[in-house]
Structure formats: C-alpha cells, structure tokens
C-alpha atoms as a PDB file:
ATOM      1  CA  UNK A   1      71.275 -45.946  66.392  1.00  0.00           C
ATOM      2  CA  UNK A   2      68.097 -44.214  67.513  1.00  0.00           C
ATOM      3  CA  UNK A   3      64.874 -44.832  65.536  1.00  0.00           C
ATOM      4  CA  UNK A   4      62.438 -41.954  64.698  1.00  0.00           C
ATOM      5  CA  UNK A   5      58.765 -42.769  64.170  1.00  0.00           C
ATOM      6  CA  UNK A   6      57.411 -40.453  61.382  1.00  0.00           C
ATOM      7  CA  UNK A   7      53.880 -41.905  61.256  1.00  0.00           C
ATOM      8  CA  UNK A   8      52.242 -39.385  63.646  1.00  0.00           C
ATOM      9  CA  UNK A   9      53.750 -36.474  61.735  1.00  0.00           C
ATOM     10  CA  UNK A  10      52.553 -37.840  58.411  1.00  0.00           C
ATOM     11  CA  UNK A  11      49.080 -38.451  59.796  1.00  0.00           C
ATOM     12  CA  UNK A  12      49.032 -34.920  61.126  1.00  0.00           C
ATOM     13  CA  UNK A  13      50.129 -33.608  57.714  1.00  0.00           C
ATOM     14  CA  UNK A  14      47.384 -35.581  55.989  1.00  0.00           C
ATOM     15  CA  UNK A  15      44.835 -34.145  58.380  1.00  0.00           C
ATOM     16  CA  UNK A  16      46.064 -30.625  57.654  1.00  0.00           C
ATOM     17  CA  UNK A  17      45.935 -31.214  53.889  1.00  0.00           C
ATOM     18  CA  UNK A  18      42.474 -32.733  54.194  1.00  0.00           C
ATOM     19  CA  UNK A  19      41.327 -29.779  56.274  1.00  0.00           C
ATOM     20  CA  UNK A  20      42.847 -27.326  53.790  1.00  0.00           C
ATOM     21  CA  UNK A  21      41.113 -29.173  50.932  1.00  0.00           C
ATOM     22  CA  UNK A  22      37.784 -29.058  52.753  1.00  0.00           C
ATOM     23  CA  UNK A  23      38.247 -25.363  53.507  1.00  0.00           C
ATOM     24  CA  UNK A  24      39.126 -24.685  49.863  1.00  0.00           C
ATOM     25  CA  UNK A  25      36.170 -26.771  48.710  1.00  0.00           C
ATOM     26  CA  UNK A  26      33.831 -24.936  51.081  1.00  0.00           C
ATOM     27  CA  UNK A  27      35.240 -21.570  50.003  1.00  0.00           C
ATOM     28  CA  UNK A  28      34.805 -22.476  46.323  1.00  0.00           C
ATOM     29  CA  UNK A  29      31.274 -23.674  46.947  1.00  0.00           C
ATOM     30  CA  UNK A  30      30.465 -20.537  48.888  1.00  0.00           C
ATOM     31  CA  UNK A  31      32.013 -18.377  46.150  1.00  0.00           C
ATOM     32  CA  UNK A  32      30.028 -20.262  43.493  1.00  0.00           C
ATOM     33  CA  UNK A  33      26.816 -19.804  45.486  1.00  0.00           C
ATOM     34  CA  UNK A  34      27.571 -16.136  46.002  1.00  0.00           C
ATOM     35  CA  UNK A  35      28.324 -15.652  42.306  1.00  0.00           C
ATOM     36  CA  UNK A  36      25.131 -17.502  41.404  1.00  0.00           C
ATOM     37  CA  UNK A  37      23.120 -15.306  43.759  1.00  0.00           C
ATOM     38  CA  UNK A  38      24.713 -12.131  42.363  1.00  0.00           C
ATOM     39  CA  UNK A  39      23.997 -13.272  38.798  1.00  0.00           C
ATOM     40  CA  UNK A  40      20.415 -14.121  39.799  1.00  0.00           C
ATOM     41  CA  UNK A  41      19.949 -10.664  41.310  1.00  0.00           C
ATOM     42  CA  UNK A  42      21.486  -9.038  38.224  1.00  0.00           C
ATOM     43  CA  UNK A  43      19.208 -10.950  35.845  1.00  0.00           C
ATOM     44  CA  UNK A  44      16.202 -10.155  38.012  1.00  0.00           C
ATOM     45  CA  UNK A  45      17.175  -6.493  37.890  1.00  0.00           C
ATOM     46  CA  UNK A  46      17.535  -6.631  34.104  1.00  0.00           C
ATOM     47  CA  UNK A  47      14.193  -8.430  33.728  1.00  0.00           C
ATOM     48  CA  UNK A  48      12.513  -5.943  36.055  1.00  0.00           C
ATOM     49  CA  UNK A  49      13.962  -2.999  34.122  1.00  0.00           C
ATOM     50  CA  UNK A  50      12.877  -4.514  30.801  1.00  0.00           C
ATOM     51  CA  UNK A  51       9.408  -5.185  32.213  1.00  0.00           C
ATOM     52  CA  UNK A  52       9.153  -1.550  33.308  1.00  0.00           C
ATOM     53  CA  UNK A  53      10.201  -0.431  29.831  1.00  0.00           C
ATOM     54  CA  UNK A  54       7.638  -2.767  28.289  1.00  0.00           C
ATOM     55  CA  UNK A  55       4.919  -1.431  30.574  1.00  0.00           C
ATOM     56  CA  UNK A  56       5.874   2.125  29.679  1.00  0.00           C
ATOM     57  CA  UNK A  57       5.821   1.288  25.975  1.00  0.00           C
ATOM     58  CA  UNK A  58       2.387  -0.320  26.363  1.00  0.00           C
ATOM     59  CA  UNK A  59       1.118   2.792  28.150  1.00  0.00           C
ATOM     60  CA  UNK A  60       2.550   5.054  25.422  1.00  0.00           C
ATOM     61  CA  UNK A  61       1.052   2.844  22.705  1.00  0.00           C
ATOM     62  CA  UNK A  62      -2.341   2.977  24.423  1.00  0.00           C
ATOM     63  CA  UNK A  63      -2.073   6.775  24.621  1.00  0.00           C
ATOM     64  CA  UNK A  64      -1.119   6.979  20.934  1.00  0.00           C
ATOM     65  CA  UNK A  65      -3.999   4.662  19.990  1.00  0.00           C
ATOM     66  CA  UNK A  66      -6.381   6.933  21.880  1.00  0.00           C
ATOM     67  CA  UNK A  67      -4.964  10.007  20.150  1.00  0.00           C
ATOM     68  CA  UNK A  68      -5.232   8.286  16.743  1.00  0.00           C
ATOM     69  CA  UNK A  69      -8.853   7.409  17.488  1.00  0.00           C
ATOM     70  CA  UNK A  70      -9.543  11.029  18.416  1.00  0.00           C
ATOM     71  CA  UNK A  71      -7.861  12.185  15.191  1.00  0.00           C
ATOM     72  CA  UNK A  72      -9.952   9.733  13.179  1.00  0.00           C
ATOM     73  CA  UNK A  73     -13.092  11.009  14.901  1.00  0.00           C
ATOM     74  CA  UNK A  74     -12.074  14.579  14.087  1.00  0.00           C
ATOM     75  CA  UNK A  75     -11.463  13.587  10.461  1.00  0.00           C
ATOM     76  CA  UNK A  76     -14.894  11.963  10.291  1.00  0.00           C
ATOM     77  CA  UNK A  77     -16.492  15.073  11.804  1.00  0.00           C
ATOM     78  CA  UNK A  78     -14.555  17.219   9.325  1.00  0.00           C
ATOM     79  CA  UNK A  79     -15.834  15.142   6.399  1.00  0.00           C
ATOM     80  CA  UNK A  80     -19.402  15.402   7.720  1.00  0.00           C
ATOM     81  CA  UNK A  81     -19.053  19.172   8.049  1.00  0.00           C
ATOM     82  CA  UNK A  82     -17.609  19.427   4.536  1.00  0.00           C
ATOM     83  CA  UNK A  83     -20.487  17.330   3.165  1.00  0.00           C
ATOM     84  CA  UNK A  84     -23.013  19.518   4.946  1.00  0.00           C
ATOM     85  CA  UNK A  85     -21.323  22.669   3.662  1.00  0.00           C
ATOM     86  CA  UNK A  86     -21.366  21.311   0.115  1.00  0.00           C
ATOM     87  CA  UNK A  87     -25.069  20.469   0.420  1.00  0.00           C
ATOM     88  CA  UNK A  88     -25.827  23.934   1.819  1.00  0.00           C
ATOM     89  CA  UNK A  89     -23.807  25.606  -0.952  1.00  0.00           C
ATOM     90  CA  UNK A  90     -25.579  23.480  -3.551  1.00  0.00           C
ATOM     91  CA  UNK A  91     -28.960  24.419  -2.113  1.00  0.00           C
ATOM     92  CA  UNK A  92     -28.011  28.091  -2.046  1.00  0.00           C
ATOM     93  CA  UNK A  93     -26.905  27.915  -5.677  1.00  0.00           C
ATOM     94  CA  UNK A  94     -30.061  26.097  -6.725  1.00  0.00           C
ATOM     95  CA  UNK A  95     -32.481  28.433  -4.924  1.00  0.00           C
ATOM     96  CA  UNK A  96     -32.901  30.856  -7.855  1.00  0.00           C
ATOM     97  CA  UNK A  97     -32.952  28.048 -10.434  1.00  0.00           C
ATOM     98  CA  UNK A  98     -36.539  26.983  -9.719  1.00  0.00           C
ATOM     99  CA  UNK A  99     -37.608  30.598 -10.223  1.00  0.00           C
ATOM    100  CA  UNK A 100     -35.924  30.584 -13.622  1.00  0.00           C
ATOM    101  CA  UNK A 101     -37.585  27.253 -14.444  1.00  0.00           C
ATOM    102  CA  UNK A 102     -41.092  28.534 -13.702  1.00  0.00           C
ATOM    103  CA  UNK A 103     -40.357  31.746 -15.574  1.00  0.00           C
ATOM    104  CA  UNK A 104     -39.101  29.703 -18.516  1.00  0.00           C
ATOM    105  CA  UNK A 105     -42.201  27.507 -18.448  1.00  0.00           C
ATOM    106  CA  UNK A 106     -44.314  30.619 -18.777  1.00  0.00           C
ATOM    107  CA  UNK A 107     -42.145  31.855 -21.657  1.00  0.00           C
ATOM    108  CA  UNK A 108     -42.147  28.550 -23.541  1.00  0.00           C
ATOM    109  CA  UNK A 109     -45.848  27.782 -23.068  1.00  0.00           C
ATOM    110  CA  UNK A 110     -47.661  28.693 -26.324  1.00  0.00           C
ATOM    111  CA  UNK A 111     -51.128  30.215 -26.458  1.00  0.00           C
ATOM    112  CA  UNK A 112     -53.894  27.683 -26.104  1.00  0.00           C
ATOM    113  CA  UNK A 113     -51.778  25.423 -23.853  1.00  0.00           C
ATOM    114  CA  UNK A 114     -52.212  25.049 -20.100  1.00  0.00           C
ATOM    115  CA  UNK A 115     -50.266  23.066 -17.511  1.00  0.00           C
ATOM    116  CA  UNK A 116     -52.269  21.073 -14.992  1.00  0.00           C
ATOM    117  CA  UNK A 117     -49.329  19.680 -13.040  1.00  0.00           C
ATOM    118  CA  UNK A 118     -45.567  19.955 -12.667  1.00  0.00           C
ATOM    119  CA  UNK A 119     -43.562  17.252 -10.871  1.00  0.00           C
ATOM    120  CA  UNK A 120     -39.804  17.376 -10.332  1.00  0.00           C
ATOM    121  CA  UNK A 121     -37.567  14.412  -9.538  1.00  0.00           C
ATOM    122  CA  UNK A 122     -33.974  15.547  -9.313  1.00  0.00           C
ATOM    123  CA  UNK A 123     -33.399  17.539 -12.498  1.00  0.00           C
ATOM    124  CA  UNK A 124     -36.184  15.733 -14.345  1.00  0.00           C
ATOM    125  CA  UNK A 125     -39.487  17.579 -14.829  1.00  0.00           C
ATOM    126  CA  UNK A 126     -42.803  15.929 -15.608  1.00  0.00           C
ATOM    127  CA  UNK A 127     -45.249  18.323 -17.231  1.00  0.00           C
ATOM    128  CA  UNK A 128     -48.950  17.470 -17.460  1.00  0.00           C
ATOM    129  CA  UNK A 129     -51.200  19.776 -19.398  1.00  0.00           C
ATOM    130  CA  UNK A 130     -53.992  20.462 -21.859  1.00  0.00           C
ATOM    131  CA  UNK A 131     -53.538  21.918 -25.351  1.00  0.00           C
ATOM    132  CA  UNK A 132     -56.038  22.988 -27.964  1.00  0.00           C
ATOM    133  CA  UNK A 133     -54.289  20.724 -30.478  1.00  0.00           C
ATOM    134  CA  UNK A 134     -51.284  18.464 -30.902  1.00  0.00           C
ATOM    135  CA  UNK A 135     -49.657  21.258 -32.893  1.00  0.00           C
ATOM    136  CA  UNK A 136     -49.556  23.382 -29.743  1.00  0.00           C
ATOM    137  CA  UNK A 137     -47.782  20.529 -27.940  1.00  0.00           C
ATOM    138  CA  UNK A 138     -45.196  20.345 -30.733  1.00  0.00           C
ATOM    139  CA  UNK A 139     -44.664  24.108 -30.459  1.00  0.00           C
ATOM    140  CA  UNK A 140     -44.259  23.741 -26.702  1.00  0.00           C
ATOM    141  CA  UNK A 141     -41.588  21.062 -27.194  1.00  0.00           C
ATOM    142  CA  UNK A 142     -39.718  23.186 -29.753  1.00  0.00           C
ATOM    143  CA  UNK A 143     -39.770  26.131 -27.338  1.00  0.00           C
ATOM    144  CA  UNK A 144     -38.388  23.890 -24.581  1.00  0.00           C
ATOM    145  CA  UNK A 145     -35.655  22.684 -26.911  1.00  0.00           C
ATOM    146  CA  UNK A 146     -34.629  26.316 -27.556  1.00  0.00           C
ATOM    147  CA  UNK A 147     -34.852  27.229 -23.869  1.00  0.00           C
ATOM    148  CA  UNK A 148     -31.801  28.094 -21.802  1.00  0.00           C
ATOM    149  CA  UNK A 149     -33.155  26.523 -18.584  1.00  0.00           C
ATOM    150  CA  UNK A 150     -34.928  23.483 -20.041  1.00  0.00           C
ATOM    151  CA  UNK A 151     -33.793  20.858 -22.522  1.00  0.00           C
ATOM    152  CA  UNK A 152     -34.387  17.360 -23.906  1.00  0.00           C
ATOM    153  CA  UNK A 153     -38.188  17.446 -24.209  1.00  0.00           C
ATOM    154  CA  UNK A 154     -39.716  13.973 -24.496  1.00  0.00           C
ATOM    155  CA  UNK A 155     -43.394  13.457 -25.177  1.00  0.00           C
ATOM    156  CA  UNK A 156     -44.759  10.581 -23.139  1.00  0.00           C
ATOM    157  CA  UNK A 157     -48.534  10.695 -23.677  1.00  0.00           C
ATOM    158  CA  UNK A 158     -50.856  12.744 -25.824  1.00  0.00           C
ATOM    159  CA  UNK A 159     -54.560  11.989 -25.922  1.00  0.00           C
ATOM    160  CA  UNK A 160     -57.018  13.821 -28.146  1.00  0.00           C
ATOM    161  CA  UNK A 161     -60.538  14.129 -26.761  1.00  0.00           C
ATOM    162  CA  UNK A 162     -63.507  13.120 -28.853  1.00  0.00           C
ATOM    163  CA  UNK A 163     -64.906  16.563 -28.318  1.00  0.00           C
ATOM    164  CA  UNK A 164     -62.459  18.757 -30.260  1.00  0.00           C
ATOM    165  CA  UNK A 165     -63.359  21.764 -28.123  1.00  0.00           C
ATOM    166  CA  UNK A 166     -61.719  20.084 -25.111  1.00  0.00           C
ATOM    167  CA  UNK A 167     -58.397  19.807 -26.952  1.00  0.00           C
ATOM    168  CA  UNK A 168     -55.753  17.171 -26.061  1.00  0.00           C
ATOM    169  CA  UNK A 169     -54.186  16.162 -22.785  1.00  0.00           C
ATOM    170  CA  UNK A 170     -50.462  15.466 -22.770  1.00  0.00           C
ATOM    171  CA  UNK A 171     -47.584  14.429 -20.553  1.00  0.00           C
ATOM    172  CA  UNK A 172     -44.026  15.266 -21.444  1.00  0.00           C
ATOM    173  CA  UNK A 173     -40.684  15.240 -19.692  1.00  0.00           C
ATOM    174  CA  UNK A 174     -37.844  17.763 -19.763  1.00  0.00           C
ATOM    175  CA  UNK A 175     -34.505  18.234 -18.036  1.00  0.00           C
ATOM    176  CA  UNK A 176     -33.728  21.256 -15.918  1.00  0.00           C
ATOM    177  CA  UNK A 177     -30.439  22.996 -16.694  1.00  0.00           C
ATOM    178  CA  UNK A 178     -28.577  23.690 -13.438  1.00  0.00           C
ATOM    179  CA  UNK A 179     -25.878  26.283 -12.897  1.00  0.00           C
ATOM    180  CA  UNK A 180     -23.609  23.633 -11.390  1.00  0.00           C
ATOM    181  CA  UNK A 181     -23.872  21.431 -14.474  1.00  0.00           C
ATOM    182  CA  UNK A 182     -23.742  24.225 -17.029  1.00  0.00           C
ATOM    183  CA  UNK A 183     -20.531  25.682 -18.407  1.00  0.00           C
ATOM    184  CA  UNK A 184     -19.637  29.339 -18.429  1.00  0.00           C
ATOM    185  CA  UNK A 185     -21.321  29.846 -21.789  1.00  0.00           C
ATOM    186  CA  UNK A 186     -24.467  28.035 -20.695  1.00  0.00           C
ATOM    187  CA  UNK A 187     -24.573  30.044 -17.481  1.00  0.00           C
ATOM    188  CA  UNK A 188     -24.087  33.293 -19.366  1.00  0.00           C
ATOM    189  CA  UNK A 189     -26.865  32.620 -21.876  1.00  0.00           C
ATOM    190  CA  UNK A 190     -29.737  32.797 -19.349  1.00  0.00           C
ATOM    191  CA  UNK A 191     -28.322  36.033 -18.009  1.00  0.00           C
ATOM    192  CA  UNK A 192     -28.076  37.483 -21.510  1.00  0.00           C
ATOM    193  CA  UNK A 193     -31.631  36.310 -22.200  1.00  0.00           C
ATOM    194  CA  UNK A 194     -32.867  37.936 -18.998  1.00  0.00           C
ATOM    195  CA  UNK A 195     -31.175  41.219 -19.939  1.00  0.00           C
ATOM    196  CA  UNK A 196     -32.649  41.015 -23.387  1.00  0.00           C
ATOM    197  CA  UNK A 197     -36.124  40.457 -21.937  1.00  0.00           C
ATOM    198  CA  UNK A 198     -35.673  43.375 -19.585  1.00  0.00           C
ATOM    199  CA  UNK A 199     -35.292  45.770 -22.511  1.00  0.00           C
ATOM    200  CA  UNK A 200     -38.131  47.720 -24.119  1.00  0.00           C
END
C-alpha cells in the first residue's frame, strides 16, 4: 500500500494562513490608521471652523462695544447740551427779574431811607443803607413784606448814630421772588401791579 506524506502540504497551508493573517492584520492596521487620520482631519476642520466663528464673534463684539461707546458719548453730549440749554433758558427768564427787583426796591424804599449797597447771592439780597430813624427801617421791611418781587425781610444790624441828624445805619436781608419759583398767581400779581402802576 503506497504511503502519502501530507506534512509539506500542511506546512504550506500554515504558511498561507499565516500570510493571510498578516495581510488581514496589516489591512486592519492600515484601515485603523486611515480612519484615525480621517477623524483627526475632521476634528481639525471642526476646531478650525469653530475658531473662525469665535474670531468673527470677537470682532462683532468689539464692533458693538465701539458702537455702544459712541452711543454713550452721544448721550453724554446730549445731556451736556440739555444742561446748557436749561441754563440759557433760565438766564433768559431771569434777565427781566433783576429789573423788577431794582424797580421794587425803589417802590418799597420809604422817604428818608437810602441804600448804600446791594449784594445778591443766589436769590438772597443783602441791603445796606441809612435811614433817618429805626421807624423808617420798619416801614421799609413792611413794604418788602407786601412786595410782589421781594419777601422774607430779616433785619440783621441796625445802629443808631450818636448824632441824631446822621440817622441809623442798617443791614437787612430779603429773598428775591423768581418767575421759575413762583406759581401762576404769584407771576400774575407783579404783572397786575405793573399795569396798575401804569395807570393815571
């Protein structure tokens, strides 16, 4: 009976299987490397796109911050202009008031009384003068109290000279009535008084 040696065939089969395994292992490794590289490129693309979006957002935010700063500057300029306009309007309204005050001082000043100085601080008036007697000063204060442009007379100093012919020196304070602080009735009273004085 003939004998068949199968060892070379088996060895050849093992070599083929080993080679196929190595080829499969190399293919898997290559596929894994390729997949890893593709994923790396994809993530890099995503990161790059997100970075571009972030840079664009930063640029837009910087532009908006600049616009907000310009708006704030415009608001500040607007407030300054409004303040200046209010001051100018206040000055324009108060221009005729000092004329009324001096006219009222002349009206309220009794005979035998003379003013030597008038000082104004805000709406507060300081009146220095000379009167023939303290009675004249009292009359002056009563006239101020009845005045439409002056109010709240307060006597600060009155000094009677030893020589009666020189009279008495005095210092008193009064408040000026402004159109801005007066109501409609208070503003109408000086006008009515002026019309009354303009009559015969």
